[in-house]
Amino acid sequence: MYVCSCFGVTEAQVKQHAEDGACTPRQIASACKAGTDCGSCVRRIQAILGRGACPRRELADQGRPVLAADLSGLDEAA
């Protein structure tokens, strides 16, 4: 089912972005543009995010980045 008609974003895609760490509608928008055009899907996105626990909610609550890739080991490669 489509959540965002403007950009063709499905509920499954929103859930995948949430599993990847997007905990807010703004973070979903950054990941896939959903909610950035007409805005009619923002409430639907909020409902989807509200159904499941965000795996990185603790980081978000602490103001730490939640979408950053794991950069451990980069110093060794440099």
Protein backbone atom coordinates (compact mmCIF):
# COMPACT_ATOMS: atom_id res chain seq x y z
CA MET A 1 0.00 0.00 0.00
CA TYR A 2 1.28 3.45 -0.88
CA VAL A 3 1.87 5.86 1.97
CA CYS A 4 3.16 8.74 -0.15
CA SER A 5 1.51 9.13 -3.54
CA CYS A 6 3.73 12.07 -4.50
CA PHE A 7 6.91 9.98 -4.43
CA GLY A 8 5.50 6.45 -4.66
CA VAL A 9 6.71 5.38 -1.22
CA THR A 10 5.10 2.26 0.20
CA GLU A 11 4.36 1.28 3.78
CA ALA A 12 6.99 -1.46 3.47
CA GLN A 13 9.61 1.13 2.48
CA VAL A 14 8.73 3.35 5.46
CA LYS A 15 9.00 0.33 7.76
CA GLN A 16 12.37 -0.57 6.27
CA HIS A 17 13.69 2.96 6.82
CA ALA A 18 12.42 2.76 10.40
CA GLU A 19 14.27 -0.53 10.89
CA ASP A 20 17.37 1.18 9.50
CA GLY A 21 17.07 3.84 12.21
CA ALA A 22 14.67 6.55 11.02
CA CYS A 23 12.57 7.32 14.09
CA THR A 24 10.71 10.47 13.03
CA PRO A 25 8.78 11.64 9.98
CA ARG A 26 11.61 14.09 9.28
CA GLN A 27 14.14 11.25 9.19
CA ILE A 28 11.83 9.26 6.91
CA ALA A 29 11.65 12.33 4.65
CA SER A 30 15.44 12.53 4.55
CA ALA A 31 15.63 8.87 3.60
CA CYS A 32 12.99 8.77 0.84
CA LYS A 33 11.28 12.20 0.43
CA ALA A 34 7.95 10.92 1.77
CA GLY A 35 6.07 13.80 3.37
CA THR A 36 8.04 16.57 1.68
CA ASP A 37 5.63 17.53 -1.11
CA CYS A 38 1.95 17.89 -0.23
CA GLY A 39 2.35 16.58 3.34
CA SER A 40 -0.85 14.55 3.37
CA CYS A 41 1.07 11.37 4.28
CA VAL A 42 2.83 12.73 7.37
CA ARG A 43 0.12 11.52 9.76
CA ARG A 44 0.21 8.07 8.16
CA ILE A 45 4.00 7.98 8.57
CA GLN A 46 3.61 9.01 12.23
CA ALA A 47 1.11 6.18 12.73
CA ILE A 48 3.46 3.64 11.14
CA LEU A 49 6.37 4.81 13.29
CA GLY A 50 4.19 4.71 16.38
CA ARG A 51 3.32 1.03 15.91
CA GLY A 52 6.80 -0.37 16.36
CA ALA A 53 9.70 0.36 18.61
CA CYS A 54 12.47 2.31 16.99
CA PRO A 55 15.61 0.21 17.33
CA ARG A 56 17.71 3.31 17.88
CA ARG A 57 15.25 5.41 19.90
CA GLU A 58 17.71 5.68 22.79
CA LEU A 59 20.26 7.38 20.53
CA ALA A 60 17.63 9.79 19.19
CA ASP A 61 16.48 10.64 22.71
CA GLN A 62 20.07 11.47 23.62
CA GLY A 63 20.43 13.73 20.58
CA ARG A 64 22.95 11.39 18.96
CA PRO A 65 22.86 10.56 15.24
CA VAL A 66 20.85 7.45 14.45
CA LEU A 67 21.30 7.18 10.69
CA ALA A 68 25.10 7.32 10.61
CA ALA A 69 26.80 4.19 9.38
CA ASP A 70 28.98 2.21 11.72
CA LEU A 71 32.37 3.80 11.14
CA SER A 72 34.38 1.54 13.41
CA GLY A 73 37.50 0.30 11.74
CA LEU A 74 37.94 3.28 9.43
CA ASP A 75 40.95 4.52 11.38
CA GLU A 76 42.65 1.19 10.75
CA ALA A 77 42.16 1.49 7.01
CA ALA A 78 43.57 5.01 6.81
